[in-house]
PDBML (XML) file of the C-alpha atoms, coordinates in Angstrom:
<?xml version="1.0" encoding="UTF-8" ?>
<PDBx:datablock datablockName="MODEL"
   xmlns:PDBx="http://pdbml.pdb.org/schema/pdbx-v50.xsd"
   xmlns:xsi="http://www.w3.org/2001/XMLSchema-instance"
   xsi:schemaLocation="http://pdbml.pdb.org/schema/pdbx-v50.xsd pdbx-v50.xsd">
   <PDBx:atom_siteCategory>
      <PDBx:atom_site id="1">
         <PDBx:B_iso_or_equiv>0.00</PDBx:B_iso_or_equiv>
         <PDBx:Cartn_x>3.867</PDBx:Cartn_x>
         <PDBx:Cartn_y>13.388</PDBx:Cartn_y>
         <PDBx:Cartn_z>1.386</PDBx:Cartn_z>
         <PDBx:auth_asym_id>A</PDBx:auth_asym_id>
         <PDBx:auth_atom_id>CA</PDBx:auth_atom_id>
         <PDBx:auth_comp_id>LEU</PDBx:auth_comp_id>
         <PDBx:auth_seq_id>1</PDBx:auth_seq_id>
         <PDBx:group_PDB>ATOM</PDBx:group_PDB>
         <PDBx:label_alt_id xsi:nil="true" />
         <PDBx:label_asym_id>A</PDBx:label_asym_id>
         <PDBx:label_atom_id>CA</PDBx:label_atom_id>
         <PDBx:label_comp_id>LEU</PDBx:label_comp_id>
         <PDBx:label_entity_id>1</PDBx:label_entity_id>
         <PDBx:label_seq_id>1</PDBx:label_seq_id>
         <PDBx:occupancy>1.00</PDBx:occupancy>
         <PDBx:pdbx_PDB_model_num>1</PDBx:pdbx_PDB_model_num>
         <PDBx:type_symbol>C</PDBx:type_symbol>
      </PDBx:atom_site>
      <PDBx:atom_site id="2">
         <PDBx:B_iso_or_equiv>0.00</PDBx:B_iso_or_equiv>
         <PDBx:Cartn_x>6.718</PDBx:Cartn_x>
         <PDBx:Cartn_y>15.841</PDBx:Cartn_y>
         <PDBx:Cartn_z>0.839</PDBx:Cartn_z>
         <PDBx:auth_asym_id>A</PDBx:auth_asym_id>
         <PDBx:auth_atom_id>CA</PDBx:auth_atom_id>
         <PDBx:auth_comp_id>PRO</PDBx:auth_comp_id>
         <PDBx:auth_seq_id>2</PDBx:auth_seq_id>
         <PDBx:group_PDB>ATOM</PDBx:group_PDB>
         <PDBx:label_alt_id xsi:nil="true" />
         <PDBx:label_asym_id>A</PDBx:label_asym_id>
         <PDBx:label_atom_id>CA</PDBx:label_atom_id>
         <PDBx:label_comp_id>PRO</PDBx:label_comp_id>
         <PDBx:label_entity_id>1</PDBx:label_entity_id>
         <PDBx:label_seq_id>2</PDBx:label_seq_id>
         <PDBx:occupancy>1.00</PDBx:occupancy>
         <PDBx:pdbx_PDB_model_num>1</PDBx:pdbx_PDB_model_num>
         <PDBx:type_symbol>C</PDBx:type_symbol>
      </PDBx:atom_site>
      <PDBx:atom_site id="3">
         <PDBx:B_iso_or_equiv>0.00</PDBx:B_iso_or_equiv>
         <PDBx:Cartn_x>6.434</PDBx:Cartn_x>
         <PDBx:Cartn_y>17.417</PDBx:Cartn_y>
         <PDBx:Cartn_z>-2.625</PDBx:Cartn_z>
         <PDBx:auth_asym_id>A</PDBx:auth_asym_id>
         <PDBx:auth_atom_id>CA</PDBx:auth_atom_id>
         <PDBx:auth_comp_id>PRO</PDBx:auth_comp_id>
         <PDBx:auth_seq_id>3</PDBx:auth_seq_id>
         <PDBx:group_PDB>ATOM</PDBx:group_PDB>
         <PDBx:label_alt_id xsi:nil="true" />
         <PDBx:label_asym_id>A</PDBx:label_asym_id>
         <PDBx:label_atom_id>CA</PDBx:label_atom_id>
         <PDBx:label_comp_id>PRO</PDBx:label_comp_id>
         <PDBx:label_entity_id>1</PDBx:label_entity_id>
         <PDBx:label_seq_id>3</PDBx:label_seq_id>
         <PDBx:occupancy>1.00</PDBx:occupancy>
         <PDBx:pdbx_PDB_model_num>1</PDBx:pdbx_PDB_model_num>
         <PDBx:type_symbol>C</PDBx:type_symbol>
      </PDBx:atom_site>
      <PDBx:atom_site id="4">
         <PDBx:B_iso_or_equiv>0.00</PDBx:B_iso_or_equiv>
         <PDBx:Cartn_x>8.654</PDBx:Cartn_x>
         <PDBx:Cartn_y>15.676</PDBx:Cartn_y>
         <PDBx:Cartn_z>-5.123</PDBx:Cartn_z>
         <PDBx:auth_asym_id>A</PDBx:auth_asym_id>
         <PDBx:auth_atom_id>CA</PDBx:auth_atom_id>
         <PDBx:auth_comp_id>GLY</PDBx:auth_comp_id>
         <PDBx:auth_seq_id>4</PDBx:auth_seq_id>
         <PDBx:group_PDB>ATOM</PDBx:group_PDB>
         <PDBx:label_alt_id xsi:nil="true" />
         <PDBx:label_asym_id>A</PDBx:label_asym_id>
         <PDBx:label_atom_id>CA</PDBx:label_atom_id>
         <PDBx:label_comp_id>GLY</PDBx:label_comp_id>
         <PDBx:label_entity_id>1</PDBx:label_entity_id>
         <PDBx:label_seq_id>4</PDBx:label_seq_id>
         <PDBx:occupancy>1.00</PDBx:occupancy>
         <PDBx:pdbx_PDB_model_num>1</PDBx:pdbx_PDB_model_num>
         <PDBx:type_symbol>C</PDBx:type_symbol>
      </PDBx:atom_site>
      <PDBx:atom_site id="5">
         <PDBx:B_iso_or_equiv>0.00</PDBx:B_iso_or_equiv>
         <PDBx:Cartn_x>8.921</PDBx:Cartn_x>
         <PDBx:Cartn_y>12.372</PDBx:Cartn_y>
         <PDBx:Cartn_z>-3.229</PDBx:Cartn_z>
         <PDBx:auth_asym_id>A</PDBx:auth_asym_id>
         <PDBx:auth_atom_id>CA</PDBx:auth_atom_id>
         <PDBx:auth_comp_id>LEU</PDBx:auth_comp_id>
         <PDBx:auth_seq_id>5</PDBx:auth_seq_id>
         <PDBx:group_PDB>ATOM</PDBx:group_PDB>
         <PDBx:label_alt_id xsi:nil="true" />
         <PDBx:label_asym_id>A</PDBx:label_asym_id>
         <PDBx:label_atom_id>CA</PDBx:label_atom_id>
         <PDBx:label_comp_id>LEU</PDBx:label_comp_id>
         <PDBx:label_entity_id>1</PDBx:label_entity_id>
         <PDBx:label_seq_id>5</PDBx:label_seq_id>
         <PDBx:occupancy>1.00</PDBx:occupancy>
         <PDBx:pdbx_PDB_model_num>1</PDBx:pdbx_PDB_model_num>
         <PDBx:type_symbol>C</PDBx:type_symbol>
      </PDBx:atom_site>
      <PDBx:atom_site id="6">
         <PDBx:B_iso_or_equiv>0.00</PDBx:B_iso_or_equiv>
         <PDBx:Cartn_x>7.534</PDBx:Cartn_x>
         <PDBx:Cartn_y>9.486</PDBx:Cartn_y>
         <PDBx:Cartn_z>-5.289</PDBx:Cartn_z>
         <PDBx:auth_asym_id>A</PDBx:auth_asym_id>
         <PDBx:auth_atom_id>CA</PDBx:auth_atom_id>
         <PDBx:auth_comp_id>PRO</PDBx:auth_comp_id>
         <PDBx:auth_seq_id>6</PDBx:auth_seq_id>
         <PDBx:group_PDB>ATOM</PDBx:group_PDB>
         <PDBx:label_alt_id xsi:nil="true" />
         <PDBx:label_asym_id>A</PDBx:label_asym_id>
         <PDBx:label_atom_id>CA</PDBx:label_atom_id>
         <PDBx:label_comp_id>PRO</PDBx:label_comp_id>
         <PDBx:label_entity_id>1</PDBx:label_entity_id>
         <PDBx:label_seq_id>6</PDBx:label_seq_id>
         <PDBx:occupancy>1.00</PDBx:occupancy>
         <PDBx:pdbx_PDB_model_num>1</PDBx:pdbx_PDB_model_num>
         <PDBx:type_symbol>C</PDBx:type_symbol>
      </PDBx:atom_site>
      <PDBx:atom_site id="7">
         <PDBx:B_iso_or_equiv>0.00</PDBx:B_iso_or_equiv>
         <PDBx:Cartn_x>5.918</PDBx:Cartn_x>
         <PDBx:Cartn_y>6.856</PDBx:Cartn_y>
         <PDBx:Cartn_z>-3.071</PDBx:Cartn_z>
         <PDBx:auth_asym_id>A</PDBx:auth_asym_id>
         <PDBx:auth_atom_id>CA</PDBx:auth_atom_id>
         <PDBx:auth_comp_id>VAL</PDBx:auth_comp_id>
         <PDBx:auth_seq_id>7</PDBx:auth_seq_id>
         <PDBx:group_PDB>ATOM</PDBx:group_PDB>
         <PDBx:label_alt_id xsi:nil="true" />
         <PDBx:label_asym_id>A</PDBx:label_asym_id>
         <PDBx:label_atom_id>CA</PDBx:label_atom_id>
         <PDBx:label_comp_id>VAL</PDBx:label_comp_id>
         <PDBx:label_entity_id>1</PDBx:label_entity_id>
         <PDBx:label_seq_id>7</PDBx:label_seq_id>
         <PDBx:occupancy>1.00</PDBx:occupancy>
         <PDBx:pdbx_PDB_model_num>1</PDBx:pdbx_PDB_model_num>
         <PDBx:type_symbol>C</PDBx:type_symbol>
      </PDBx:atom_site>
      <PDBx:atom_site id="8">
         <PDBx:B_iso_or_equiv>0.00</PDBx:B_iso_or_equiv>
         <PDBx:Cartn_x>4.706</PDBx:Cartn_x>
         <PDBx:Cartn_y>3.514</PDBx:Cartn_y>
         <PDBx:Cartn_z>-4.422</PDBx:Cartn_z>
         <PDBx:auth_asym_id>A</PDBx:auth_asym_id>
         <PDBx:auth_atom_id>CA</PDBx:auth_atom_id>
         <PDBx:auth_comp_id>PHE</PDBx:auth_comp_id>
         <PDBx:auth_seq_id>8</PDBx:auth_seq_id>
         <PDBx:group_PDB>ATOM</PDBx:group_PDB>
         <PDBx:label_alt_id xsi:nil="true" />
         <PDBx:label_asym_id>A</PDBx:label_asym_id>
         <PDBx:label_atom_id>CA</PDBx:label_atom_id>
         <PDBx:label_comp_id>PHE</PDBx:label_comp_id>
         <PDBx:label_entity_id>1</PDBx:label_entity_id>
         <PDBx:label_seq_id>8</PDBx:label_seq_id>
         <PDBx:occupancy>1.00</PDBx:occupancy>
         <PDBx:pdbx_PDB_model_num>1</PDBx:pdbx_PDB_model_num>
         <PDBx:type_symbol>C</PDBx:type_symbol>
      </PDBx:atom_site>
      <PDBx:atom_site id="9">
         <PDBx:B_iso_or_equiv>0.00</PDBx:B_iso_or_equiv>
         <PDBx:Cartn_x>2.411</PDBx:Cartn_x>
         <PDBx:Cartn_y>1.356</PDBx:Cartn_y>
         <PDBx:Cartn_z>-2.291</PDBx:Cartn_z>
         <PDBx:auth_asym_id>A</PDBx:auth_asym_id>
         <PDBx:auth_atom_id>CA</PDBx:auth_atom_id>
         <PDBx:auth_comp_id>LEU</PDBx:auth_comp_id>
         <PDBx:auth_seq_id>9</PDBx:auth_seq_id>
         <PDBx:group_PDB>ATOM</PDBx:group_PDB>
         <PDBx:label_alt_id xsi:nil="true" />
         <PDBx:label_asym_id>A</PDBx:label_asym_id>
         <PDBx:label_atom_id>CA</PDBx:label_atom_id>
         <PDBx:label_comp_id>LEU</PDBx:label_comp_id>
         <PDBx:label_entity_id>1</PDBx:label_entity_id>
         <PDBx:label_seq_id>9</PDBx:label_seq_id>
         <PDBx:occupancy>1.00</PDBx:occupancy>
         <PDBx:pdbx_PDB_model_num>1</PDBx:pdbx_PDB_model_num>
         <PDBx:type_symbol>C</PDBx:type_symbol>
      </PDBx:atom_site>
      <PDBx:atom_site id="10">
         <PDBx:B_iso_or_equiv>0.00</PDBx:B_iso_or_equiv>
         <PDBx:Cartn_x>1.985</PDBx:Cartn_x>
         <PDBx:Cartn_y>-2.278</PDBx:Cartn_y>
         <PDBx:Cartn_z>-3.348</PDBx:Cartn_z>
         <PDBx:auth_asym_id>A</PDBx:auth_asym_id>
         <PDBx:auth_atom_id>CA</PDBx:auth_atom_id>
         <PDBx:auth_comp_id>HIS</PDBx:auth_comp_id>
         <PDBx:auth_seq_id>10</PDBx:auth_seq_id>
         <PDBx:group_PDB>ATOM</PDBx:group_PDB>
         <PDBx:label_alt_id xsi:nil="true" />
         <PDBx:label_asym_id>A</PDBx:label_asym_id>
         <PDBx:label_atom_id>CA</PDBx:label_atom_id>
         <PDBx:label_comp_id>HIS</PDBx:label_comp_id>
         <PDBx:label_entity_id>1</PDBx:label_entity_id>
         <PDBx:label_seq_id>10</PDBx:label_seq_id>
         <PDBx:occupancy>1.00</PDBx:occupancy>
         <PDBx:pdbx_PDB_model_num>1</PDBx:pdbx_PDB_model_num>
         <PDBx:type_symbol>C</PDBx:type_symbol>
      </PDBx:atom_site>
      <PDBx:atom_site id="11">
         <PDBx:B_iso_or_equiv>0.00</PDBx:B_iso_or_equiv>
         <PDBx:Cartn_x>-0.354</PDBx:Cartn_x>
         <PDBx:Cartn_y>-4.834</PDBx:Cartn_y>
         <PDBx:Cartn_z>-1.807</PDBx:Cartn_z>
         <PDBx:auth_asym_id>A</PDBx:auth_asym_id>
         <PDBx:auth_atom_id>CA</PDBx:auth_atom_id>
         <PDBx:auth_comp_id>HIS</PDBx:auth_comp_id>
         <PDBx:auth_seq_id>11</PDBx:auth_seq_id>
         <PDBx:group_PDB>ATOM</PDBx:group_PDB>
         <PDBx:label_alt_id xsi:nil="true" />
         <PDBx:label_asym_id>A</PDBx:label_asym_id>
         <PDBx:label_atom_id>CA</PDBx:label_atom_id>
         <PDBx:label_comp_id>HIS</PDBx:label_comp_id>
         <PDBx:label_entity_id>1</PDBx:label_entity_id>
         <PDBx:label_seq_id>11</PDBx:label_seq_id>
         <PDBx:occupancy>1.00</PDBx:occupancy>
         <PDBx:pdbx_PDB_model_num>1</PDBx:pdbx_PDB_model_num>
         <PDBx:type_symbol>C</PDBx:type_symbol>
      </PDBx:atom_site>
      <PDBx:atom_site id="12">
         <PDBx:B_iso_or_equiv>0.00</PDBx:B_iso_or_equiv>
         <PDBx:Cartn_x>-1.562</PDBx:Cartn_x>
         <PDBx:Cartn_y>-8.296</PDBx:Cartn_y>
         <PDBx:Cartn_z>-2.796</PDBx:Cartn_z>
         <PDBx:auth_asym_id>A</PDBx:auth_asym_id>
         <PDBx:auth_atom_id>CA</PDBx:auth_atom_id>
         <PDBx:auth_comp_id>CYS</PDBx:auth_comp_id>
         <PDBx:auth_seq_id>12</PDBx:auth_seq_id>
         <PDBx:group_PDB>ATOM</PDBx:group_PDB>
         <PDBx:label_alt_id xsi:nil="true" />
         <PDBx:label_asym_id>A</PDBx:label_asym_id>
         <PDBx:label_atom_id>CA</PDBx:label_atom_id>
         <PDBx:label_comp_id>CYS</PDBx:label_comp_id>
         <PDBx:label_entity_id>1</PDBx:label_entity_id>
         <PDBx:label_seq_id>12</PDBx:label_seq_id>
         <PDBx:occupancy>1.00</PDBx:occupancy>
         <PDBx:pdbx_PDB_model_num>1</PDBx:pdbx_PDB_model_num>
         <PDBx:type_symbol>C</PDBx:type_symbol>
      </PDBx:atom_site>
      <PDBx:atom_site id="13">
         <PDBx:B_iso_or_equiv>0.00</PDBx:B_iso_or_equiv>
         <PDBx:Cartn_x>-5.191</PDBx:Cartn_x>
         <PDBx:Cartn_y>-9.298</PDBx:Cartn_y>
         <PDBx:Cartn_z>-2.485</PDBx:Cartn_z>
         <PDBx:auth_asym_id>A</PDBx:auth_asym_id>
         <PDBx:auth_atom_id>CA</PDBx:auth_atom_id>
         <PDBx:auth_comp_id>ARG</PDBx:auth_comp_id>
         <PDBx:auth_seq_id>13</PDBx:auth_seq_id>
         <PDBx:group_PDB>ATOM</PDBx:group_PDB>
         <PDBx:label_alt_id xsi:nil="true" />
         <PDBx:label_asym_id>A</PDBx:label_asym_id>
         <PDBx:label_atom_id>CA</PDBx:label_atom_id>
         <PDBx:label_comp_id>ARG</PDBx:label_comp_id>
         <PDBx:label_entity_id>1</PDBx:label_entity_id>
         <PDBx:label_seq_id>13</PDBx:label_seq_id>
         <PDBx:occupancy>1.00</PDBx:occupancy>
         <PDBx:pdbx_PDB_model_num>1</PDBx:pdbx_PDB_model_num>
         <PDBx:type_symbol>C</PDBx:type_symbol>
      </PDBx:atom_site>
      <PDBx:atom_site id="14">
         <PDBx:B_iso_or_equiv>0.00</PDBx:B_iso_or_equiv>
         <PDBx:Cartn_x>-4.168</PDBx:Cartn_x>
         <PDBx:Cartn_y>-12.722</PDBx:Cartn_y>
         <PDBx:Cartn_z>-1.136</PDBx:Cartn_z>
         <PDBx:auth_asym_id>A</PDBx:auth_asym_id>
         <PDBx:auth_atom_id>CA</PDBx:auth_atom_id>
         <PDBx:auth_comp_id>ASP</PDBx:auth_comp_id>
         <PDBx:auth_seq_id>14</PDBx:auth_seq_id>
         <PDBx:group_PDB>ATOM</PDBx:group_PDB>
         <PDBx:label_alt_id xsi:nil="true" />
         <PDBx:label_asym_id>A</PDBx:label_asym_id>
         <PDBx:label_atom_id>CA</PDBx:label_atom_id>
         <PDBx:label_comp_id>ASP</PDBx:label_comp_id>
         <PDBx:label_entity_id>1</PDBx:label_entity_id>
         <PDBx:label_seq_id>14</PDBx:label_seq_id>
         <PDBx:occupancy>1.00</PDBx:occupancy>
         <PDBx:pdbx_PDB_model_num>1</PDBx:pdbx_PDB_model_num>
         <PDBx:type_symbol>C</PDBx:type_symbol>
      </PDBx:atom_site>
      <PDBx:atom_site id="15">
         <PDBx:B_iso_or_equiv>0.00</PDBx:B_iso_or_equiv>
         <PDBx:Cartn_x>-2.007</PDBx:Cartn_x>
         <PDBx:Cartn_y>-11.316</PDBx:Cartn_y>
         <PDBx:Cartn_z>1.698</PDBx:Cartn_z>
         <PDBx:auth_asym_id>A</PDBx:auth_asym_id>
         <PDBx:auth_atom_id>CA</PDBx:auth_atom_id>
         <PDBx:auth_comp_id>ASP</PDBx:auth_comp_id>
         <PDBx:auth_seq_id>15</PDBx:auth_seq_id>
         <PDBx:group_PDB>ATOM</PDBx:group_PDB>
         <PDBx:label_alt_id xsi:nil="true" />
         <PDBx:label_asym_id>A</PDBx:label_asym_id>
         <PDBx:label_atom_id>CA</PDBx:label_atom_id>
         <PDBx:label_comp_id>ASP</PDBx:label_comp_id>
         <PDBx:label_entity_id>1</PDBx:label_entity_id>
         <PDBx:label_seq_id>15</PDBx:label_seq_id>
         <PDBx:occupancy>1.00</PDBx:occupancy>
         <PDBx:pdbx_PDB_model_num>1</PDBx:pdbx_PDB_model_num>
         <PDBx:type_symbol>C</PDBx:type_symbol>
      </PDBx:atom_site>
      <PDBx:atom_site id="16">
         <PDBx:B_iso_or_equiv>0.00</PDBx:B_iso_or_equiv>
         <PDBx:Cartn_x>-2.675</PDBx:Cartn_x>
         <PDBx:Cartn_y>-13.521</PDBx:Cartn_y>
         <PDBx:Cartn_z>4.705</PDBx:Cartn_z>
         <PDBx:auth_asym_id>A</PDBx:auth_asym_id>
         <PDBx:auth_atom_id>CA</PDBx:auth_atom_id>
         <PDBx:auth_comp_id>GLY</PDBx:auth_comp_id>
         <PDBx:auth_seq_id>16</PDBx:auth_seq_id>
         <PDBx:group_PDB>ATOM</PDBx:group_PDB>
         <PDBx:label_alt_id xsi:nil="true" />
         <PDBx:label_asym_id>A</PDBx:label_asym_id>
         <PDBx:label_atom_id>CA</PDBx:label_atom_id>
         <PDBx:label_comp_id>GLY</PDBx:label_comp_id>
         <PDBx:label_entity_id>1</PDBx:label_entity_id>
         <PDBx:label_seq_id>16</PDBx:label_seq_id>
         <PDBx:occupancy>1.00</PDBx:occupancy>
         <PDBx:pdbx_PDB_model_num>1</PDBx:pdbx_PDB_model_num>
         <PDBx:type_symbol>C</PDBx:type_symbol>
      </PDBx:atom_site>
      <PDBx:atom_site id="17">
         <PDBx:B_iso_or_equiv>0.00</PDBx:B_iso_or_equiv>
         <PDBx:Cartn_x>-1.402</PDBx:Cartn_x>
         <PDBx:Cartn_y>-11.033</PDBx:Cartn_y>
         <PDBx:Cartn_z>7.294</PDBx:Cartn_z>
         <PDBx:auth_asym_id>A</PDBx:auth_asym_id>
         <PDBx:auth_atom_id>CA</PDBx:auth_atom_id>
         <PDBx:auth_comp_id>THR</PDBx:auth_comp_id>
         <PDBx:auth_seq_id>17</PDBx:auth_seq_id>
         <PDBx:group_PDB>ATOM</PDBx:group_PDB>
         <PDBx:label_alt_id xsi:nil="true" />
         <PDBx:label_asym_id>A</PDBx:label_asym_id>
         <PDBx:label_atom_id>CA</PDBx:label_atom_id>
         <PDBx:label_comp_id>THR</PDBx:label_comp_id>
         <PDBx:label_entity_id>1</PDBx:label_entity_id>
         <PDBx:label_seq_id>17</PDBx:label_seq_id>
         <PDBx:occupancy>1.00</PDBx:occupancy>
         <PDBx:pdbx_PDB_model_num>1</PDBx:pdbx_PDB_model_num>
         <PDBx:type_symbol>C</PDBx:type_symbol>
      </PDBx:atom_site>
      <PDBx:atom_site id="18">
         <PDBx:B_iso_or_equiv>0.00</PDBx:B_iso_or_equiv>
         <PDBx:Cartn_x>-2.201</PDBx:Cartn_x>
         <PDBx:Cartn_y>-7.425</PDBx:Cartn_y>
         <PDBx:Cartn_z>6.392</PDBx:Cartn_z>
         <PDBx:auth_asym_id>A</PDBx:auth_asym_id>
         <PDBx:auth_atom_id>CA</PDBx:auth_atom_id>
         <PDBx:auth_comp_id>VAL</PDBx:auth_comp_id>
         <PDBx:auth_seq_id>18</PDBx:auth_seq_id>
         <PDBx:group_PDB>ATOM</PDBx:group_PDB>
         <PDBx:label_alt_id xsi:nil="true" />
         <PDBx:label_asym_id>A</PDBx:label_asym_id>
         <PDBx:label_atom_id>CA</PDBx:label_atom_id>
         <PDBx:label_comp_id>VAL</PDBx:label_comp_id>
         <PDBx:label_entity_id>1</PDBx:label_entity_id>
         <PDBx:label_seq_id>18</PDBx:label_seq_id>
         <PDBx:occupancy>1.00</PDBx:occupancy>
         <PDBx:pdbx_PDB_model_num>1</PDBx:pdbx_PDB_model_num>
         <PDBx:type_symbol>C</PDBx:type_symbol>
      </PDBx:atom_site>
      <PDBx:atom_site id="19">
         <PDBx:B_iso_or_equiv>0.00</PDBx:B_iso_or_equiv>
         <PDBx:Cartn_x>-5.799</PDBx:Cartn_x>
         <PDBx:Cartn_y>-6.927</PDBx:Cartn_y>
         <PDBx:Cartn_z>5.223</PDBx:Cartn_z>
         <PDBx:auth_asym_id>A</PDBx:auth_asym_id>
         <PDBx:auth_atom_id>CA</PDBx:auth_atom_id>
         <PDBx:auth_comp_id>PRO</PDBx:auth_comp_id>
         <PDBx:auth_seq_id>19</PDBx:auth_seq_id>
         <PDBx:group_PDB>ATOM</PDBx:group_PDB>
         <PDBx:label_alt_id xsi:nil="true" />
         <PDBx:label_asym_id>A</PDBx:label_asym_id>
         <PDBx:label_atom_id>CA</PDBx:label_atom_id>
         <PDBx:label_comp_id>PRO</PDBx:label_comp_id>
         <PDBx:label_entity_id>1</PDBx:label_entity_id>
         <PDBx:label_seq_id>19</PDBx:label_seq_id>
         <PDBx:occupancy>1.00</PDBx:occupancy>
         <PDBx:pdbx_PDB_model_num>1</PDBx:pdbx_PDB_model_num>
         <PDBx:type_symbol>C</PDBx:type_symbol>
      </PDBx:atom_site>
      <PDBx:atom_site id="20">
         <PDBx:B_iso_or_equiv>0.00</PDBx:B_iso_or_equiv>
         <PDBx:Cartn_x>-5.999</PDBx:Cartn_x>
         <PDBx:Cartn_y>-5.793</PDBx:Cartn_y>
         <PDBx:Cartn_z>1.611</PDBx:Cartn_z>
         <PDBx:auth_asym_id>A</PDBx:auth_asym_id>
         <PDBx:auth_atom_id>CA</PDBx:auth_atom_id>
         <PDBx:auth_comp_id>PHE</PDBx:auth_comp_id>
         <PDBx:auth_seq_id>20</PDBx:auth_seq_id>
         <PDBx:group_PDB>ATOM</PDBx:group_PDB>
         <PDBx:label_alt_id xsi:nil="true" />
         <PDBx:label_asym_id>A</PDBx:label_asym_id>
         <PDBx:label_atom_id>CA</PDBx:label_atom_id>
         <PDBx:label_comp_id>PHE</PDBx:label_comp_id>
         <PDBx:label_entity_id>1</PDBx:label_entity_id>
         <PDBx:label_seq_id>20</PDBx:label_seq_id>
         <PDBx:occupancy>1.00</PDBx:occupancy>
         <PDBx:pdbx_PDB_model_num>1</PDBx:pdbx_PDB_model_num>
         <PDBx:type_symbol>C</PDBx:type_symbol>
      </PDBx:atom_site>
      <PDBx:atom_site id="21">
         <PDBx:B_iso_or_equiv>0.00</PDBx:B_iso_or_equiv>
         <PDBx:Cartn_x>-8.352</PDBx:Cartn_x>
         <PDBx:Cartn_y>-2.950</PDBx:Cartn_y>
         <PDBx:Cartn_z>2.638</PDBx:Cartn_z>
         <PDBx:auth_asym_id>A</PDBx:auth_asym_id>
         <PDBx:auth_atom_id>CA</PDBx:auth_atom_id>
         <PDBx:auth_comp_id>GLU</PDBx:auth_comp_id>
         <PDBx:auth_seq_id>21</PDBx:auth_seq_id>
         <PDBx:group_PDB>ATOM</PDBx:group_PDB>
         <PDBx:label_alt_id xsi:nil="true" />
         <PDBx:label_asym_id>A</PDBx:label_asym_id>
         <PDBx:label_atom_id>CA</PDBx:label_atom_id>
         <PDBx:label_comp_id>GLU</PDBx:label_comp_id>
         <PDBx:label_entity_id>1</PDBx:label_entity_id>
         <PDBx:label_seq_id>21</PDBx:label_seq_id>
         <PDBx:occupancy>1.00</PDBx:occupancy>
         <PDBx:pdbx_PDB_model_num>1</PDBx:pdbx_PDB_model_num>
         <PDBx:type_symbol>C</PDBx:type_symbol>
      </PDBx:atom_site>
      <PDBx:atom_site id="22">
         <PDBx:B_iso_or_equiv>0.00</PDBx:B_iso_or_equiv>
         <PDBx:Cartn_x>-5.469</PDBx:Cartn_x>
         <PDBx:Cartn_y>-1.194</PDBx:Cartn_y>
         <PDBx:Cartn_z>4.385</PDBx:Cartn_z>
         <PDBx:auth_asym_id>A</PDBx:auth_asym_id>
         <PDBx:auth_atom_id>CA</PDBx:auth_atom_id>
         <PDBx:auth_comp_id>HIS</PDBx:auth_comp_id>
         <PDBx:auth_seq_id>22</PDBx:auth_seq_id>
         <PDBx:group_PDB>ATOM</PDBx:group_PDB>
         <PDBx:label_alt_id xsi:nil="true" />
         <PDBx:label_asym_id>A</PDBx:label_asym_id>
         <PDBx:label_atom_id>CA</PDBx:label_atom_id>
         <PDBx:label_comp_id>HIS</PDBx:label_comp_id>
         <PDBx:label_entity_id>1</PDBx:label_entity_id>
         <PDBx:label_seq_id>22</PDBx:label_seq_id>
         <PDBx:occupancy>1.00</PDBx:occupancy>
         <PDBx:pdbx_PDB_model_num>1</PDBx:pdbx_PDB_model_num>
         <PDBx:type_symbol>C</PDBx:type_symbol>
      </PDBx:atom_site>
      <PDBx:atom_site id="23">
         <PDBx:B_iso_or_equiv>0.00</PDBx:B_iso_or_equiv>
         <PDBx:Cartn_x>-4.327</PDBx:Cartn_x>
         <PDBx:Cartn_y>-0.089</PDBx:Cartn_y>
         <PDBx:Cartn_z>0.948</PDBx:Cartn_z>
         <PDBx:auth_asym_id>A</PDBx:auth_asym_id>
         <PDBx:auth_atom_id>CA</PDBx:auth_atom_id>
         <PDBx:auth_comp_id>LEU</PDBx:auth_comp_id>
         <PDBx:auth_seq_id>23</PDBx:auth_seq_id>
         <PDBx:group_PDB>ATOM</PDBx:group_PDB>
         <PDBx:label_alt_id xsi:nil="true" />
         <PDBx:label_asym_id>A</PDBx:label_asym_id>
         <PDBx:label_atom_id>CA</PDBx:label_atom_id>
         <PDBx:label_comp_id>LEU</PDBx:label_comp_id>
         <PDBx:label_entity_id>1</PDBx:label_entity_id>
         <PDBx:label_seq_id>23</PDBx:label_seq_id>
         <PDBx:occupancy>1.00</PDBx:occupancy>
         <PDBx:pdbx_PDB_model_num>1</PDBx:pdbx_PDB_model_num>
         <PDBx:type_symbol>C</PDBx:type_symbol>
      </PDBx:atom_site>
      <PDBx:atom_site id="24">
         <PDBx:B_iso_or_equiv>0.00</PDBx:B_iso_or_equiv>
         <PDBx:Cartn_x>-7.640</PDBx:Cartn_x>
         <PDBx:Cartn_y>1.770</PDBx:Cartn_y>
         <PDBx:Cartn_z>0.503</PDBx:Cartn_z>
         <PDBx:auth_asym_id>A</PDBx:auth_asym_id>
         <PDBx:auth_atom_id>CA</PDBx:auth_atom_id>
         <PDBx:auth_comp_id>ASP</PDBx:auth_comp_id>
         <PDBx:auth_seq_id>24</PDBx:auth_seq_id>
         <PDBx:group_PDB>ATOM</PDBx:group_PDB>
         <PDBx:label_alt_id xsi:nil="true" />
         <PDBx:label_asym_id>A</PDBx:label_asym_id>
         <PDBx:label_atom_id>CA</PDBx:label_atom_id>
         <PDBx:label_comp_id>ASP</PDBx:label_comp_id>
         <PDBx:label_entity_id>1</PDBx:label_entity_id>
         <PDBx:label_seq_id>24</PDBx:label_seq_id>
         <PDBx:occupancy>1.00</PDBx:occupancy>
         <PDBx:pdbx_PDB_model_num>1</PDBx:pdbx_PDB_model_num>
         <PDBx:type_symbol>C</PDBx:type_symbol>
      </PDBx:atom_site>
   </PDBx:atom_siteCategory>
</PDBx:datablock>
């Protein structure tokens, strides 16, 4: 990530489309 750019990644355990493990 570029220095100084805050990035927030959110994911829900019960997501039925994107596997929760992608967040890991």
